């Protein structure tokens, strides 16, 4: 399938999780695997409903998509899947996302727990 065959709005099935985004977003990083796929340089299959299918982690893809949209990634404070997300970023050939994940991890530092103590006041 060549790049001109892809619609401007693309429906994706990433590991069973459905996304809709623009072709412009998917091709925004010229050296990425997604750019290669959605310009027709690499093959992609479609599911039974015609959505483009990638057998990757569909939940983590939301962060990949955020990065493609604006070049940044904001992870939840208690995010425990950094290594898995880094692996996804490497698979999609997005070194900027790999670096963003590493930078975010370094900026957070070690975690801490705050424990509150309830004082009882007796009259």
PDB file of N, CA and C in Angstrom:
ATOM      1  N   UNK A   1       0.850  -1.179   0.000  1.00  0.00           N
ATOM      2  CA  UNK A   1       0.000   0.000   0.000  1.00  0.00           C
ATOM      3  C   UNK A   1       0.890   1.234   0.000  1.00  0.00           C
ATOM      4  N   UNK A   2       0.703   2.142  -0.901  1.00  0.00           N
ATOM      5  CA  UNK A   2       1.525   3.352  -0.952  1.00  0.00           C
ATOM      6  C   UNK A   2       0.903   4.450  -0.103  1.00  0.00           C
ATOM      7  N   UNK A   3       1.710   5.477   0.229  1.00  0.00           N
ATOM      8  CA  UNK A   3       1.257   6.551   1.097  1.00  0.00           C
ATOM      9  C   UNK A   3       0.006   7.241   0.608  1.00  0.00           C
ATOM     10  N   UNK A   4      -0.163   7.344  -0.703  1.00  0.00           N
ATOM     11  CA  UNK A   4      -1.339   8.040  -1.224  1.00  0.00           C
ATOM     12  C   UNK A   4      -2.607   7.209  -1.043  1.00  0.00           C
ATOM     13  N   UNK A   5      -2.462   5.926  -0.695  1.00  0.00           N
ATOM     14  CA  UNK A   5      -3.625   5.073  -0.477  1.00  0.00           C
ATOM     15  C   UNK A   5      -4.179   5.173   0.942  1.00  0.00           C
ATOM     16  N   UNK A   6      -3.450   5.800   1.850  1.00  0.00           N
ATOM     17  CA  UNK A   6      -3.921   5.918   3.228  1.00  0.00           C
ATOM     18  C   UNK A   6      -4.829   7.137   3.351  1.00  0.00           C
ATOM     19  N   UNK A   7      -5.912   7.004   4.113  1.00  0.00           N
ATOM     20  CA  UNK A   7      -6.805   8.154   4.310  1.00  0.00           C
ATOM     21  C   UNK A   7      -6.146   9.196   5.213  1.00  0.00           C
ATOM     22  N   UNK A   8      -6.647  10.412   5.185  1.00  0.00           N
ATOM     23  CA  UNK A   8      -6.076  11.459   6.039  1.00  0.00           C
ATOM     24  C   UNK A   8      -6.399  11.220   7.514  1.00  0.00           C
ATOM     25  N   UNK A   9      -7.499  10.526   7.800  1.00  0.00           N
ATOM     26  CA  UNK A   9      -7.834  10.098   9.158  1.00  0.00           C
ATOM     27  C   UNK A   9      -7.715   8.582   9.181  1.00  0.00           C
ATOM     28  N   UNK A  10      -6.862   8.079  10.070  1.00  0.00           N
ATOM     29  CA  UNK A  10      -6.508   6.666  10.081  1.00  0.00           C
ATOM     30  C   UNK A  10      -7.061   5.989  11.327  1.00  0.00           C
ATOM     31  N   UNK A  11      -7.741   4.865  11.117  1.00  0.00           N
ATOM     32  CA  UNK A  11      -8.227   4.054  12.232  1.00  0.00           C
ATOM     33  C   UNK A  11      -7.241   2.928  12.464  1.00  0.00           C
ATOM     34  N   UNK A  12      -6.797   2.812  13.728  1.00  0.00           N
ATOM     35  CA  UNK A  12      -5.790   1.826  14.096  1.00  0.00           C
ATOM     36  C   UNK A  12      -6.338   0.825  15.098  1.00  0.00           C
ATOM     37  N   UNK A  13      -5.847  -0.386  15.000  1.00  0.00           N
ATOM     38  CA  UNK A  13      -6.077  -1.426  15.992  1.00  0.00           C
ATOM     39  C   UNK A  13      -4.687  -1.827  16.467  1.00  0.00           C
ATOM     40  N   UNK A  14      -4.310  -1.334  17.635  1.00  0.00           N
ATOM     41  CA  UNK A  14      -2.989  -1.634  18.181  1.00  0.00           C
ATOM     42  C   UNK A  14      -3.178  -2.650  19.301  1.00  0.00           C
ATOM     43  N   UNK A  15      -2.880  -3.896  19.011  1.00  0.00           N
ATOM     44  CA  UNK A  15      -3.014  -4.949  20.015  1.00  0.00           C
ATOM     45  C   UNK A  15      -4.402  -5.056  20.611  1.00  0.00           C
ATOM     46  N   UNK A  16      -5.417  -4.717  19.831  1.00  0.00           N
ATOM     47  CA  UNK A  16      -6.796  -4.806  20.303  1.00  0.00           C
ATOM     48  C   UNK A  16      -7.364  -3.507  20.848  1.00  0.00           C
ATOM     49  N   UNK A  17      -6.543  -2.481  20.989  1.00  0.00           N
ATOM     50  CA  UNK A  17      -7.001  -1.170  21.454  1.00  0.00           C
ATOM     51  C   UNK A  17      -7.145  -0.271  20.226  1.00  0.00           C
ATOM     52  N   UNK A  18      -8.290   0.386  20.116  1.00  0.00           N
ATOM     53  CA  UNK A  18      -8.598   1.176  18.920  1.00  0.00           C
ATOM     54  C   UNK A  18      -8.215   2.640  19.091  1.00  0.00           C
ATOM     55  N   UNK A  19      -7.636   3.196  18.042  1.00  0.00           N
ATOM     56  CA  UNK A  19      -7.238   4.601  18.004  1.00  0.00           C
ATOM     57  C   UNK A  19      -7.657   5.189  16.670  1.00  0.00           C
ATOM     58  N   UNK A  20      -7.922   6.480  16.680  1.00  0.00           N
ATOM     59  CA  UNK A  20      -8.140   7.230  15.448  1.00  0.00           C
ATOM     60  C   UNK A  20      -7.220   8.439  15.512  1.00  0.00           C
ATOM     61  N   UNK A  21      -6.452   8.642  14.463  1.00  0.00           N
ATOM     62  CA  UNK A  21      -5.515   9.763  14.418  1.00  0.00           C
ATOM     63  C   UNK A  21      -5.324  10.189  12.972  1.00  0.00           C
ATOM     64  N   UNK A  22      -4.526  11.201  12.780  1.00  0.00           N
ATOM     65  CA  UNK A  22      -4.299  11.680  11.416  1.00  0.00           C
ATOM     66  C   UNK A  22      -3.073  11.018  10.797  1.00  0.00           C
ATOM     67  N   UNK A  23      -3.099  10.924   9.489  1.00  0.00           N
ATOM     68  CA  UNK A  23      -1.947  10.416   8.749  1.00  0.00           C
ATOM     69  C   UNK A  23      -0.747  11.328   8.997  1.00  0.00           C
ATOM     70  N   UNK A  24      -1.002  12.616   9.107  1.00  0.00           N
ATOM     71  CA  UNK A  24       0.068  13.583   9.379  1.00  0.00           C
ATOM     72  C   UNK A  24       0.771  13.259  10.698  1.00  0.00           C
ATOM     73  N   UNK A  25       0.012  12.911  11.728  1.00  0.00           N
ATOM     74  CA  UNK A  25       0.608  12.544  13.015  1.00  0.00           C
ATOM     75  C   UNK A  25       1.457  11.289  12.878  1.00  0.00           C
ATOM     76  N   UNK A  26       0.928  10.276  12.212  1.00  0.00           N
ATOM     77  CA  UNK A  26       1.644   9.000  12.081  1.00  0.00           C
ATOM     78  C   UNK A  26       2.927   9.125  11.268  1.00  0.00           C
ATOM     79  N   UNK A  27       2.994  10.116  10.406  1.00  0.00           N
ATOM     80  CA  UNK A  27       4.179  10.285   9.553  1.00  0.00           C
ATOM     81  C   UNK A  27       5.027  11.488   9.974  1.00  0.00           C
ATOM     82  N   UNK A  28       4.819  11.973  11.182  1.00  0.00           N
ATOM     83  CA  UNK A  28       5.495  13.197  11.631  1.00  0.00           C
ATOM     84  C   UNK A  28       6.980  13.022  11.941  1.00  0.00           C
ATOM     85  N   UNK A  29       7.436  11.799  12.154  1.00  0.00           N
ATOM     86  CA  UNK A  29       8.854  11.544  12.438  1.00  0.00           C
ATOM     87  C   UNK A  29       9.416  10.691  11.303  1.00  0.00           C
ATOM     88  N   UNK A  30      10.120  11.305  10.364  1.00  0.00           N
ATOM     89  CA  UNK A  30      10.538  10.636   9.121  1.00  0.00           C
ATOM     90  C   UNK A  30      11.365   9.360   9.279  1.00  0.00           C
ATOM     91  N   UNK A  31      12.102   9.217  10.367  1.00  0.00           N
ATOM     92  CA  UNK A  31      12.925   8.020  10.537  1.00  0.00           C
ATOM     93  C   UNK A  31      12.224   6.914  11.320  1.00  0.00           C
ATOM     94  N   UNK A  32      10.971   7.132  11.690  1.00  0.00           N
ATOM     95  CA  UNK A  32      10.260   6.156  12.522  1.00  0.00           C
ATOM     96  C   UNK A  32       9.670   5.011  11.698  1.00  0.00           C
ATOM     97  N   UNK A  33       9.388   3.928  12.402  1.00  0.00           N
ATOM     98  CA  UNK A  33       8.742   2.787  11.758  1.00  0.00           C
ATOM     99  C   UNK A  33       7.340   3.169  11.280  1.00  0.00           C
ATOM    100  N   UNK A  34       6.633   3.987  12.048  1.00  0.00           N
ATOM    101  CA  UNK A  34       5.285   4.390  11.647  1.00  0.00           C
ATOM    102  C   UNK A  34       5.323   5.207  10.359  1.00  0.00           C
ATOM    103  N   UNK A  35       6.317   6.057  10.209  1.00  0.00           N
ATOM    104  CA  UNK A  35       6.469   6.805   8.957  1.00  0.00           C
ATOM    105  C   UNK A  35       6.682   5.835   7.801  1.00  0.00           C
ATOM    106  N   UNK A  36       7.549   4.850   8.007  1.00  0.00           N
ATOM    107  CA  UNK A  36       7.818   3.864   6.953  1.00  0.00           C
ATOM    108  C   UNK A  36       6.553   3.097   6.579  1.00  0.00           C
ATOM    109  N   UNK A  37       5.765   2.737   7.573  1.00  0.00           N
ATOM    110  CA  UNK A  37       4.530   1.986   7.314  1.00  0.00           C
ATOM    111  C   UNK A  37       3.524   2.855   6.564  1.00  0.00           C
ATOM    112  N   UNK A  38       3.287   4.060   7.072  1.00  0.00           N
ATOM    113  CA  UNK A  38       2.202   4.881   6.532  1.00  0.00           C
ATOM    114  C   UNK A  38       2.621   5.759   5.352  1.00  0.00           C
ATOM    115  N   UNK A  39       3.815   5.498   4.830  1.00  0.00           N
ATOM    116  CA  UNK A  39       4.199   6.050   3.528  1.00  0.00           C
ATOM    117  C   UNK A  39       4.375   4.916   2.523  1.00  0.00           C
ATOM    118  N   UNK A  40       4.029   3.701   2.946  1.00  0.00           N
ATOM    119  CA  UNK A  40       4.047   2.560   2.038  1.00  0.00           C
ATOM    120  C   UNK A  40       5.374   1.847   1.901  1.00  0.00           C
ATOM    121  N   UNK A  41       6.383   2.239   2.686  1.00  0.00           N
ATOM    122  CA  UNK A  41       7.687   1.578   2.588  1.00  0.00           C
ATOM    123  C   UNK A  41       7.732   0.247   3.324  1.00  0.00           C
ATOM    124  N   UNK A  42       6.857   0.053   4.315  1.00  0.00           N
ATOM    125  CA  UNK A  42       6.749  -1.217   5.037  1.00  0.00           C
ATOM    126  C   UNK A  42       5.295  -1.667   4.978  1.00  0.00           C
ATOM    127  N   UNK A  43       5.070  -2.980   4.945  1.00  0.00           N
ATOM    128  CA  UNK A  43       3.692  -3.478   4.859  1.00  0.00           C
ATOM    129  C   UNK A  43       2.951  -3.372   6.191  1.00  0.00           C
ATOM    130  N   UNK A  44       1.642  -3.328   6.098  1.00  0.00           N
ATOM    131  CA  UNK A  44       0.785  -3.369   7.281  1.00  0.00           C
ATOM    132  C   UNK A  44      -0.470  -4.137   6.910  1.00  0.00           C
ATOM    133  N   UNK A  45      -1.002  -4.873   7.869  1.00  0.00           N
ATOM    134  CA  UNK A  45      -2.234  -5.620   7.625  1.00  0.00           C
ATOM    135  C   UNK A  45      -3.422  -4.842   8.184  1.00  0.00           C
ATOM    136  N   UNK A  46      -4.596  -5.245   7.740  1.00  0.00           N
ATOM    137  CA  UNK A  46      -5.828  -4.649   8.237  1.00  0.00           C
ATOM    138  C   UNK A  46      -6.647  -5.717   8.945  1.00  0.00           C
ATOM    139  N   UNK A  47      -7.381  -5.297   9.976  1.00  0.00           N
ATOM    140  CA  UNK A  47      -8.254  -6.240  10.664  1.00  0.00           C
ATOM    141  C   UNK A  47      -9.546  -6.424   9.857  1.00  0.00           C
ATOM    142  N   UNK A  48     -10.459  -7.216  10.384  1.00  0.00           N
ATOM    143  CA  UNK A  48     -11.696  -7.541   9.670  1.00  0.00           C
ATOM    144  C   UNK A  48     -12.557  -6.305   9.377  1.00  0.00           C
ATOM    145  N   UNK A  49     -12.374  -5.232  10.160  1.00  0.00           N
ATOM    146  CA  UNK A  49     -13.168  -4.014   9.952  1.00  0.00           C
ATOM    147  C   UNK A  49     -12.410  -2.951   9.163  1.00  0.00           C
ATOM    148  N   UNK A  50     -11.254  -3.307   8.623  1.00  0.00           N
ATOM    149  CA  UNK A  50     -10.500  -2.386   7.787  1.00  0.00           C
ATOM    150  C   UNK A  50      -9.554  -1.456   8.528  1.00  0.00           C
ATOM    151  N   UNK A  51      -9.438  -1.618   9.851  1.00  0.00           N
ATOM    152  CA  UNK A  51      -8.502  -0.797  10.623  1.00  0.00           C
ATOM    153  C   UNK A  51      -7.092  -1.350  10.447  1.00  0.00           C
ATOM    154  N   UNK A  52      -6.116  -0.471  10.451  1.00  0.00           N
ATOM    155  CA  UNK A  52      -4.727  -0.902  10.307  1.00  0.00           C
ATOM    156  C   UNK A  52      -4.266  -1.517  11.620  1.00  0.00           C
ATOM    157  N   UNK A  53      -3.711  -2.725  11.519  1.00  0.00           N
ATOM    158  CA  UNK A  53      -3.395  -3.517  12.706  1.00  0.00           C
ATOM    159  C   UNK A  53      -1.894  -3.632  12.939  1.00  0.00           C
ATOM    160  N   UNK A  54      -1.495  -3.327  14.173  1.00  0.00           N
ATOM    161  CA  UNK A  54      -0.129  -3.569  14.632  1.00  0.00           C
ATOM    162  C   UNK A  54      -0.204  -4.418  15.889  1.00  0.00           C
ATOM    163  N   UNK A  55       0.555  -5.482  15.929  1.00  0.00           N
ATOM    164  CA  UNK A  55       0.553  -6.392  17.072  1.00  0.00           C
ATOM    165  C   UNK A  55       1.555  -5.907  18.120  1.00  0.00           C
ATOM    166  N   UNK A  56       1.207  -4.782  18.737  1.00  0.00           N
ATOM    167  CA  UNK A  56       2.035  -4.175  19.771  1.00  0.00           C
ATOM    168  C   UNK A  56       1.162  -3.882  20.984  1.00  0.00           C
ATOM    169  N   UNK A  57       1.734  -3.290  22.019  1.00  0.00           N
ATOM    170  CA  UNK A  57       1.014  -2.978  23.248  1.00  0.00           C
ATOM    171  C   UNK A  57       0.087  -1.783  23.008  1.00  0.00           C
ATOM    172  N   UNK A  58      -1.203  -2.055  22.944  1.00  0.00           N
ATOM    173  CA  UNK A  58      -2.179  -1.018  22.640  1.00  0.00           C
ATOM    174  C   UNK A  58      -2.370   0.001  23.742  1.00  0.00           C
ATOM    175  N   UNK A  59      -2.211  -0.402  24.986  1.00  0.00           N
ATOM    176  CA  UNK A  59      -2.376   0.534  26.101  1.00  0.00           C
ATOM    177  C   UNK A  59      -1.239   1.558  26.102  1.00  0.00           C
ATOM    178  N   UNK A  60      -0.018   1.096  25.903  1.00  0.00           N
ATOM    179  CA  UNK A  60       1.130   2.006  25.906  1.00  0.00           C
ATOM    180  C   UNK A  60       1.188   2.883  24.660  1.00  0.00           C
ATOM    181  N   UNK A  61       0.494   2.491  23.604  1.00  0.00           N
ATOM    182  CA  UNK A  61       0.540   3.264  22.362  1.00  0.00           C
ATOM    183  C   UNK A  61       0.016   4.685  22.552  1.00  0.00           C
ATOM    184  N   UNK A  62      -0.843   4.905  23.541  1.00  0.00           N
ATOM    185  CA  UNK A  62      -1.356   6.261  23.781  1.00  0.00           C
ATOM    186  C   UNK A  62      -0.224   7.245  24.033  1.00  0.00           C
ATOM    187  N   UNK A  63       0.846   6.789  24.709  1.00  0.00           N
ATOM    188  CA  UNK A  63       1.992   7.654  24.987  1.00  0.00           C
ATOM    189  C   UNK A  63       2.828   7.874  23.728  1.00  0.00           C
ATOM    190  N   UNK A  64       2.910   6.855  22.896  1.00  0.00           N
ATOM    191  CA  UNK A  64       3.590   6.991  21.604  1.00  0.00           C
ATOM    192  C   UNK A  64       2.856   8.043  20.772  1.00  0.00           C
ATOM    193  N   UNK A  65       1.541   7.941  20.737  1.00  0.00           N
ATOM    194  CA  UNK A  65       0.728   8.882  19.966  1.00  0.00           C
ATOM    195  C   UNK A  65       0.857  10.306  20.511  1.00  0.00           C
ATOM    196  N   UNK A  66       0.860  10.454  21.828  1.00  0.00           N
ATOM    197  CA  UNK A  66       1.068  11.784  22.421  1.00  0.00           C
ATOM    198  C   UNK A  66       2.398  12.374  21.966  1.00  0.00           C
ATOM    199  N   UNK A  67       3.440  11.548  21.972  1.00  0.00           N
ATOM    200  CA  UNK A  67       4.757  12.015  21.541  1.00  0.00           C
ATOM    201  C   UNK A  67       4.742  12.420  20.069  1.00  0.00           C
ATOM    202  N   UNK A  68       4.088  11.633  19.237  1.00  0.00           N
ATOM    203  CA  UNK A  68       4.015  11.968  17.814  1.00  0.00           C
ATOM    204  C   UNK A  68       3.291  13.291  17.594  1.00  0.00           C
ATOM    205  N   UNK A  69       2.309  13.571  18.427  1.00  0.00           N
ATOM    206  CA  UNK A  69       1.510  14.792  18.266  1.00  0.00           C
ATOM    207  C   UNK A  69       2.280  16.055  18.634  1.00  0.00           C
ATOM    208  N   UNK A  70       3.010  16.022  19.747  1.00  0.00           N
ATOM    209  CA  UNK A  70       3.642  17.278  20.182  1.00  0.00           C
ATOM    210  C   UNK A  70       5.090  17.153  20.647  1.00  0.00           C
ATOM    211  N   UNK A  71       5.691  15.988  20.487  1.00  0.00           N
ATOM    212  CA  UNK A  71       7.108  15.836  20.810  1.00  0.00           C
ATOM    213  C   UNK A  71       7.433  15.725  22.283  1.00  0.00           C
ATOM    214  N   UNK A  72       6.409  15.565  23.115  1.00  0.00           N
ATOM    215  CA  UNK A  72       6.637  15.404  24.551  1.00  0.00           C
ATOM    216  C   UNK A  72       5.856  14.206  25.055  1.00  0.00           C
ATOM    217  N   UNK A  73       6.209  13.774  26.248  1.00  0.00           N
ATOM    218  CA  UNK A  73       5.452  12.702  26.885  1.00  0.00           C
ATOM    219  C   UNK A  73       5.300  13.055  28.360  1.00  0.00           C
ATOM    220  N   UNK A  74       4.087  12.939  28.862  1.00  0.00           N
ATOM    221  CA  UNK A  74       3.808  13.169  30.274  1.00  0.00           C
ATOM    222  C   UNK A  74       3.237  11.866  30.816  1.00  0.00           C
ATOM    223  N   UNK A  75       3.966  11.288  31.751  1.00  0.00           N
ATOM    224  CA  UNK A  75       3.547  10.010  32.317  1.00  0.00           C
ATOM    225  C   UNK A  75       2.899  10.240  33.671  1.00  0.00           C
ATOM    226  N   UNK A  76       1.939   9.396  34.034  1.00  0.00           N
ATOM    227  CA  UNK A  76       1.332   9.507  35.359  1.00  0.00           C
ATOM    228  C   UNK A  76       2.395   9.362  36.451  1.00  0.00           C
ATOM    229  N   UNK A  77       2.156   9.975  37.592  1.00  0.00           N
ATOM    230  CA  UNK A  77       3.139   9.963  38.672  1.00  0.00           C
ATOM    231  C   UNK A  77       3.519   8.551  39.120  1.00  0.00           C
ATOM    232  N   UNK A  78       2.580   7.656  39.160  1.00  0.00           N
ATOM    233  CA  UNK A  78       2.860   6.290  39.620  1.00  0.00           C
ATOM    234  C   UNK A  78       3.071   5.324  38.454  1.00  0.00           C
ATOM    235  N   UNK A  79       3.516   5.817  37.323  1.00  0.00           N
ATOM    236  CA  UNK A  79       3.683   4.993  36.127  1.00  0.00           C
ATOM    237  C   UNK A  79       4.788   3.964  36.347  1.00  0.00           C
ATOM    238  N   UNK A  80       4.455   2.683  36.193  1.00  0.00           N
ATOM    239  CA  UNK A  80       5.401   1.604  36.476  1.00  0.00           C
ATOM    240  C   UNK A  80       5.848   0.858  35.222  1.00  0.00           C
ATOM    241  N   UNK A  81       5.525   1.383  34.059  1.00  0.00           N
ATOM    242  CA  UNK A  81       5.814   0.652  32.828  1.00  0.00           C
ATOM    243  C   UNK A  81       6.840   1.369  31.954  1.00  0.00           C
ATOM    244  N   UNK A  82       7.751   2.114  32.562  1.00  0.00           N
ATOM    245  CA  UNK A  82       8.742   2.874  31.789  1.00  0.00           C
ATOM    246  C   UNK A  82       9.577   1.979  30.884  1.00  0.00           C
ATOM    247  N   UNK A  83      10.029   0.856  31.420  1.00  0.00           N
ATOM    248  CA  UNK A  83      10.867  -0.039  30.608  1.00  0.00           C
ATOM    249  C   UNK A  83      10.086  -0.596  29.423  1.00  0.00           C
ATOM    250  N   UNK A  84       8.835  -0.953  29.649  1.00  0.00           N
ATOM    251  CA  UNK A  84       8.006  -1.456  28.547  1.00  0.00           C
ATOM    252  C   UNK A  84       7.754  -0.358  27.522  1.00  0.00           C
ATOM    253  N   UNK A  85       7.501   0.863  27.993  1.00  0.00           N
ATOM    254  CA  UNK A  85       7.287   1.980  27.072  1.00  0.00           C
ATOM    255  C   UNK A  85       8.569   2.288  26.304  1.00  0.00           C
ATOM    256  N   UNK A  86       9.702   2.207  26.980  1.00  0.00           N
ATOM    257  CA  UNK A  86      10.983   2.427  26.295  1.00  0.00           C
ATOM    258  C   UNK A  86      11.158   1.403  25.179  1.00  0.00           C
ATOM    259  N   UNK A  87      10.807   0.149  25.463  1.00  0.00           N
ATOM    260  CA  UNK A  87      10.909  -0.904  24.444  1.00  0.00           C
ATOM    261  C   UNK A  87       9.987  -0.607  23.260  1.00  0.00           C
ATOM    262  N   UNK A  88       8.781  -0.117  23.532  1.00  0.00           N
ATOM    263  CA  UNK A  88       7.863   0.256  22.448  1.00  0.00           C
ATOM    264  C   UNK A  88       8.460   1.395  21.624  1.00  0.00           C
ATOM    265  N   UNK A  89       9.025   2.385  22.299  1.00  0.00           N
ATOM    266  CA  UNK A  89       9.637   3.520  21.599  1.00  0.00           C
ATOM    267  C   UNK A  89      10.786   3.056  20.714  1.00  0.00           C
ATOM    268  N   UNK A  90      11.568   2.115  21.212  1.00  0.00           N
ATOM    269  CA  UNK A  90      12.664   1.569  20.404  1.00  0.00           C
ATOM    270  C   UNK A  90      12.124   0.806  19.202  1.00  0.00           C
ATOM    271  N   UNK A  91      11.066   0.042  19.394  1.00  0.00           N
ATOM    272  CA  UNK A  91      10.461  -0.715  18.297  1.00  0.00           C
ATOM    273  C   UNK A  91       9.952   0.221  17.199  1.00  0.00           C
ATOM    274  N   UNK A  92       9.343   1.334  17.610  1.00  0.00           N
ATOM    275  CA  UNK A  92       8.814   2.296  16.639  1.00  0.00           C
ATOM    276  C   UNK A  92       9.904   3.221  16.084  1.00  0.00           C
ATOM    277  N   UNK A  93      11.147   3.008  16.503  1.00  0.00           N
ATOM    278  CA  UNK A  93      12.294   3.814  16.045  1.00  0.00           C
ATOM    279  C   UNK A  93      12.089   5.298  16.350  1.00  0.00           C
ATOM    280  N   UNK A  94      11.791   5.574  17.621  1.00  0.00           N
ATOM    281  CA  UNK A  94      11.563   6.942  18.084  1.00  0.00           C
ATOM    282  C   UNK A  94      12.577   7.293  19.182  1.00  0.00           C
ATOM    283  N   UNK A  95      13.822   7.593  18.806  1.00  0.00           N
ATOM    284  CA  UNK A  95      14.839   7.885  19.822  1.00  0.00           C
ATOM    285  C   UNK A  95      14.492   9.100  20.683  1.00  0.00           C
ATOM    286  N   UNK A  96      13.757  10.052  20.149  1.00  0.00           N
ATOM    287  CA  UNK A  96      13.333  11.203  20.944  1.00  0.00           C
ATOM    288  C   UNK A  96      12.418  10.792  22.083  1.00  0.00           C
ATOM    289  N   UNK A  97      11.565   9.810  21.847  1.00  0.00           N
ATOM    290  CA  UNK A  97      10.687   9.306  22.900  1.00  0.00           C
ATOM    291  C   UNK A  97      11.493   8.517  23.923  1.00  0.00           C
ATOM    292  N   UNK A  98      12.453   7.732  23.467  1.00  0.00           N
ATOM    293  CA  UNK A  98      13.323   6.995  24.397  1.00  0.00           C
ATOM    294  C   UNK A  98      14.001   7.987  25.338  1.00  0.00           C
ATOM    295  N   UNK A  99      14.534   9.060  24.782  1.00  0.00           N
ATOM    296  CA  UNK A  99      15.212  10.077  25.598  1.00  0.00           C
ATOM    297  C   UNK A  99      14.231  10.779  26.529  1.00  0.00           C
ATOM    298  N   UNK A 100      13.035  11.082  26.049  1.00  0.00           N
ATOM    299  CA  UNK A 100      12.029  11.747  26.888  1.00  0.00           C
ATOM    300  C   UNK A 100      11.646  10.876  28.077  1.00  0.00           C
ATOM    301  N   UNK A 101      11.523   9.578  27.862  1.00  0.00           N
ATOM    302  CA  UNK A 101      11.195   8.650  28.949  1.00  0.00           C
ATOM    303  C   UNK A 101      12.330   8.637  29.963  1.00  0.00           C
ATOM    304  N   UNK A 102      13.560   8.579  29.485  1.00  0.00           N
ATOM    305  CA  UNK A 102      14.726   8.569  30.373  1.00  0.00           C
ATOM    306  C   UNK A 102      14.827   9.875  31.150  1.00  0.00           C
ATOM    307  N   UNK A 103      14.619  10.997  30.487  1.00  0.00           N
ATOM    308  CA  UNK A 103      14.690  12.307  31.145  1.00  0.00           C
ATOM    309  C   UNK A 103      13.620  12.439  32.211  1.00  0.00           C
ATOM    310  N   UNK A 104      12.415  11.989  31.881  1.00  0.00           N
ATOM    311  CA  UNK A 104      11.320  12.080  32.838  1.00  0.00           C
ATOM    312  C   UNK A 104      11.606  11.223  34.053  1.00  0.00           C
ATOM    313  N   UNK A 105      12.172  10.066  33.836  1.00  0.00           N
ATOM    314  CA  UNK A 105      12.508   9.156  34.925  1.00  0.00           C
ATOM    315  C   UNK A 105      13.570   9.781  35.830  1.00  0.00           C
ATOM    316  N   UNK A 106      14.589  10.403  35.240  1.00  0.00           N
ATOM    317  CA  UNK A 106      15.655  11.034  36.028  1.00  0.00           C
ATOM    318  C   UNK A 106      15.128  12.233  36.809  1.00  0.00           C
ATOM    319  N   UNK A 107      14.206  12.988  36.228  1.00  0.00           N
ATOM    320  CA  UNK A 107      13.719  14.198  36.890  1.00  0.00           C
ATOM    321  C   UNK A 107      12.834  13.883  38.092  1.00  0.00           C
ATOM    322  N   UNK A 108      12.225  12.731  38.083  1.00  0.00           N
ATOM    323  CA  UNK A 108      11.361  12.362  39.209  1.00  0.00           C
ATOM    324  C   UNK A 108      12.168  11.937  40.428  1.00  0.00           C
ATOM    325  N   UNK A 109      13.323  11.333  40.217  1.00  0.00           N
ATOM    326  CA  UNK A 109      14.137  10.870  41.334  1.00  0.00           C
ATOM    327  C   UNK A 109      13.474   9.719  42.055  1.00  0.00           C
ATOM    328  N   UNK A 110      14.044   9.333  43.183  1.00  0.00           N
ATOM    329  CA  UNK A 110      13.470   8.210  43.933  1.00  0.00           C
ATOM    330  C   UNK A 110      12.113   8.579  44.507  1.00  0.00           C
ATOM    331  N   UNK A 111      11.257   7.609  44.594  1.00  0.00           N
ATOM    332  CA  UNK A 111       9.919   7.834  45.123  1.00  0.00           C
ATOM    333  C   UNK A 111       9.938   8.021  46.629  1.00  0.00           C
ATOM    334  N   UNK A 112       8.907   8.599  47.137  1.00  0.00           N
ATOM    335  CA  UNK A 112       8.795   8.763  48.580  1.00  0.00           C
ATOM    336  C   UNK A 112       7.354   8.540  48.988  1.00  0.00           C
ATOM    337  N   UNK A 113       7.203   8.216  50.234  1.00  0.00           N
ATOM    338  CA  UNK A 113       5.869   7.976  50.777  1.00  0.00           C
ATOM    339  C   UNK A 113       5.679   8.930  51.946  1.00  0.00           C
ATOM    340  N   UNK A 114       4.555   9.580  51.971  1.00  0.00           N
ATOM    341  CA  UNK A 114       4.227  10.442  53.096  1.00  0.00           C
ATOM    342  C   UNK A 114       3.171   9.740  53.928  1.00  0.00           C
ATOM    343  N   UNK A 115       3.481   9.602  55.200  1.00  0.00           N
ATOM    344  CA  UNK A 115       2.554   8.920  56.101  1.00  0.00           C
ATOM    345  C   UNK A 115       1.973   9.967  57.039  1.00  0.00           C
ATOM    346  N   UNK A 116       0.664  10.010  57.107  1.00  0.00           N
ATOM    347  CA  UNK A 116       0.015  10.949  58.002  1.00  0.00           C
ATOM    348  C   UNK A 116      -0.293  10.290  59.338  1.00  0.00           C
ATOM    349  N   UNK A 117      -0.217  11.072  60.385  1.00  0.00           N
ATOM    350  CA  UNK A 117      -0.522  10.572  61.721  1.00  0.00           C
ATOM    351  C   UNK A 117      -1.755  11.308  62.205  1.00  0.00           C
ATOM    352  N   UNK A 118      -2.704  10.547  62.657  1.00  0.00           N
ATOM    353  CA  UNK A 118      -3.939  11.140  63.159  1.00  0.00           C
ATOM    354  C   UNK A 118      -3.794  11.336  64.661  1.00  0.00           C
ATOM    355  N   UNK A 119      -3.887  12.576  65.081  1.00  0.00           N
ATOM    356  CA  UNK A 119      -3.807  12.874  66.514  1.00  0.00           C
ATOM    357  C   UNK A 119      -5.195  12.796  67.114  1.00  0.00           C
ATOM    358  N   UNK A 120      -5.262  12.176  68.264  1.00  0.00           N
ATOM    359  CA  UNK A 120      -6.535  12.136  68.969  1.00  0.00           C
ATOM    360  C   UNK A 120      -6.490  13.165  70.089  1.00  0.00           C
ATOM    361  N   UNK A 121      -7.476  13.990  70.134  1.00  0.00           N
ATOM    362  CA  UNK A 121      -7.563  14.998  71.188  1.00  0.00           C
ATOM    363  C   UNK A 121      -8.648  14.548  72.140  1.00  0.00           C
ATOM    364  N   UNK A 122      -8.249  14.450  73.399  1.00  0.00           N
ATOM    365  CA  UNK A 122      -9.220  14.036  74.416  1.00  0.00           C
ATOM    366  C   UNK A 122      -9.672  15.270  75.183  1.00  0.00           C
ATOM    367  N   UNK A 123     -10.949  15.378  75.375  1.00  0.00           N
ATOM    368  CA  UNK A 123     -11.496  16.508  76.131  1.00  0.00           C
ATOM    369  C   UNK A 123     -11.514  16.221  77.575  1.00  0.00           C
TER     370      UNK A 123
END
